[in-house]
């Protein structure tokens, strides 16, 4: 059974799981998180960063996209739109990450543009696709 956890004791573990998979570097301790666990082992996570009262950035990493259950998606969107009272969520992925693009778009995010050479992966910089989801567009609430 896959379960989600949000307690502070797992924050570093979720950061350590998500950051390399989402190509996040230099993230400080100012983030919220949800961890996804199966048999006590982390198999996915969501980080929420750069919250400004209007927008929040979402960074999701999963070993398997099937991990993201409808109930977990609902938990993510309730946190952003109800708890944080955001108007929008922003997400970004590299153009070659087809699994992530499919997951983001299936959740209702709209592609808003391309930022050139924004994601550092190894020793190279890749273009990133920026996606946004407005509260009024969210079908999970």
Protein backbone atom coordinates (compact mmCIF):
# COMPACT_ATOMS: atom_id res chain seq x y z
CA UNK A 1 0.00 0.00 0.00
CA UNK A 2 1.26 3.47 -0.90
CA UNK A 3 0.77 6.18 1.72
CA UNK A 4 1.49 9.91 1.79
CA UNK A 5 3.28 11.57 4.70
CA UNK A 6 3.84 15.24 5.53
CA UNK A 7 5.53 15.27 8.93
CA UNK A 8 8.66 17.37 9.45
CA UNK A 9 10.80 14.35 10.28
CA UNK A 10 10.82 13.28 6.60
CA UNK A 11 11.51 16.71 5.07
CA UNK A 12 15.19 16.05 4.36
CA UNK A 13 14.47 12.60 2.95
CA UNK A 14 11.85 14.02 0.57
CA UNK A 15 14.23 16.82 -0.45
CA UNK A 16 17.02 14.30 -1.07
CA UNK A 17 14.68 12.21 -3.23
CA UNK A 18 13.10 15.01 -5.27
CA UNK A 19 16.00 17.45 -5.76
CA UNK A 20 18.23 15.34 -8.02
CA UNK A 21 15.30 13.96 -10.01
CA UNK A 22 13.80 17.43 -10.53
CA UNK A 23 17.21 19.02 -11.18
CA UNK A 24 16.87 21.34 -8.17
CA UNK A 25 20.07 22.86 -6.88
CA UNK A 26 20.76 25.14 -3.95
CA UNK A 27 17.29 24.82 -2.46
CA UNK A 28 17.22 26.21 1.06
CA UNK A 29 15.13 24.83 3.89
CA UNK A 30 12.15 27.03 2.99
CA UNK A 31 9.88 24.42 1.43
CA UNK A 32 6.87 22.27 2.22
CA UNK A 33 6.66 18.64 1.22
CA UNK A 34 4.65 15.47 0.78
CA UNK A 35 6.40 12.10 0.69
CA UNK A 36 5.00 8.95 -0.92
CA UNK A 37 6.01 5.67 0.74
CA UNK A 38 5.55 2.00 0.09
CA UNK A 39 6.60 -0.56 2.71
CA UNK A 40 8.46 2.20 4.59
CA UNK A 41 10.56 3.17 1.53
CA UNK A 42 10.25 6.52 -0.21
CA UNK A 43 9.06 6.13 -3.82
CA UNK A 44 8.09 9.71 -4.60
CA UNK A 45 7.72 13.21 -3.31
CA UNK A 46 6.39 16.67 -3.95
CA UNK A 47 8.18 19.85 -2.87
CA UNK A 48 6.49 23.24 -2.73
CA UNK A 49 8.81 26.26 -3.02
CA UNK A 50 8.86 29.98 -3.74
CA UNK A 51 5.45 30.62 -2.19
CA UNK A 52 4.54 34.31 -2.47
CA UNK A 53 0.89 34.33 -1.39
CA UNK A 54 -0.32 34.18 -4.99
CA UNK A 55 1.77 31.46 -6.63
CA UNK A 56 3.64 28.37 -5.48
CA UNK A 57 6.16 26.27 -7.40
CA UNK A 58 5.54 22.52 -7.37
CA UNK A 59 8.35 19.98 -7.93
CA UNK A 60 7.25 16.36 -8.27
CA UNK A 61 9.41 13.25 -8.56
CA UNK A 62 8.14 9.69 -8.73
CA UNK A 63 9.87 6.39 -9.40
CA UNK A 64 6.68 5.34 -11.19
CA UNK A 65 3.98 7.77 -12.45
CA UNK A 66 1.33 5.28 -11.24
CA UNK A 67 2.29 6.30 -7.70
CA UNK A 68 0.26 9.50 -8.12
CA UNK A 69 -3.17 8.39 -7.00
CA UNK A 70 -6.19 10.64 -7.41
CA UNK A 71 -6.31 11.07 -3.62
CA UNK A 72 -2.66 12.24 -3.61
CA UNK A 73 -3.34 14.70 -6.44
CA UNK A 74 -6.31 16.03 -4.45
CA UNK A 75 -4.04 16.43 -1.40
CA UNK A 76 -1.49 18.39 -3.48
CA UNK A 77 -4.09 20.75 -4.93
CA UNK A 78 -5.91 21.25 -1.62
CA UNK A 79 -2.60 22.21 -0.02
CA UNK A 80 -1.82 24.76 -2.75
CA UNK A 81 -5.26 26.22 -3.37
CA UNK A 82 -7.02 25.87 -0.02
CA UNK A 83 -4.31 25.82 2.67
CA UNK A 84 -1.96 28.30 0.97
CA UNK A 85 -4.79 30.17 -0.81
CA UNK A 86 -2.81 30.34 -4.06
CA UNK A 87 -4.34 31.55 -7.29
CA UNK A 88 -1.91 29.46 -9.35
CA UNK A 89 0.65 26.67 -9.24
CA UNK A 90 3.73 26.76 -11.45
CA UNK A 91 5.68 23.68 -12.55
CA UNK A 92 8.56 23.20 -14.96
CA UNK A 93 10.19 20.24 -16.67
CA UNK A 94 12.77 19.64 -19.34
CA UNK A 95 11.47 19.17 -22.86
CA UNK A 96 12.76 15.60 -23.04
CA UNK A 97 10.87 14.41 -19.93
CA UNK A 98 7.84 12.99 -21.74
CA UNK A 99 6.53 11.09 -18.68
CA UNK A 100 6.48 14.27 -16.62
CA UNK A 101 4.87 16.29 -19.40
CA UNK A 102 2.12 13.68 -19.77
CA UNK A 103 1.48 13.68 -16.01
CA UNK A 104 1.47 17.48 -15.72
CA UNK A 105 -0.86 17.93 -18.68
CA UNK A 106 -3.21 15.16 -17.51
CA UNK A 107 -3.55 17.04 -14.19
CA UNK A 108 -4.80 20.08 -16.10
CA UNK A 109 -1.67 22.25 -16.26
CA UNK A 110 -1.34 24.46 -19.35
CA UNK A 111 1.96 24.95 -21.12
CA UNK A 112 2.82 28.64 -20.84
CA UNK A 113 6.20 28.80 -22.52
CA UNK A 114 9.78 27.72 -22.88
CA UNK A 115 12.66 29.12 -20.86
CA UNK A 116 15.92 28.56 -22.68
CA UNK A 117 18.91 27.00 -20.89
CA UNK A 118 17.30 27.19 -17.45
CA UNK A 119 17.74 23.68 -16.03
CA UNK A 120 21.24 22.50 -15.13
CA UNK A 121 21.60 18.77 -15.63
CA UNK A 122 25.10 17.51 -15.13
CA UNK A 123 27.41 19.86 -17.01
CA UNK A 124 24.84 21.19 -19.47
CA UNK A 125 21.90 23.56 -19.39
CA UNK A 126 18.59 22.46 -20.88
CA UNK A 127 15.48 24.31 -21.97
CA UNK A 128 12.51 24.06 -19.64
CA UNK A 129 8.79 24.04 -20.36
CA UNK A 130 6.83 26.15 -17.86
CA UNK A 131 3.33 25.03 -16.91
CA UNK A 132 0.65 26.76 -14.88
CA UNK A 133 -2.59 25.69 -13.26
CA UNK A 134 -5.10 28.25 -12.03
CA UNK A 135 -7.39 27.47 -9.12
CA UNK A 136 -10.48 27.92 -11.28
CA UNK A 137 -9.10 25.28 -13.72
CA UNK A 138 -8.41 22.64 -11.06
CA UNK A 139 -10.81 19.72 -11.35
CA UNK A 140 -9.60 18.13 -8.10
CA UNK A 141 -11.28 20.65 -5.79
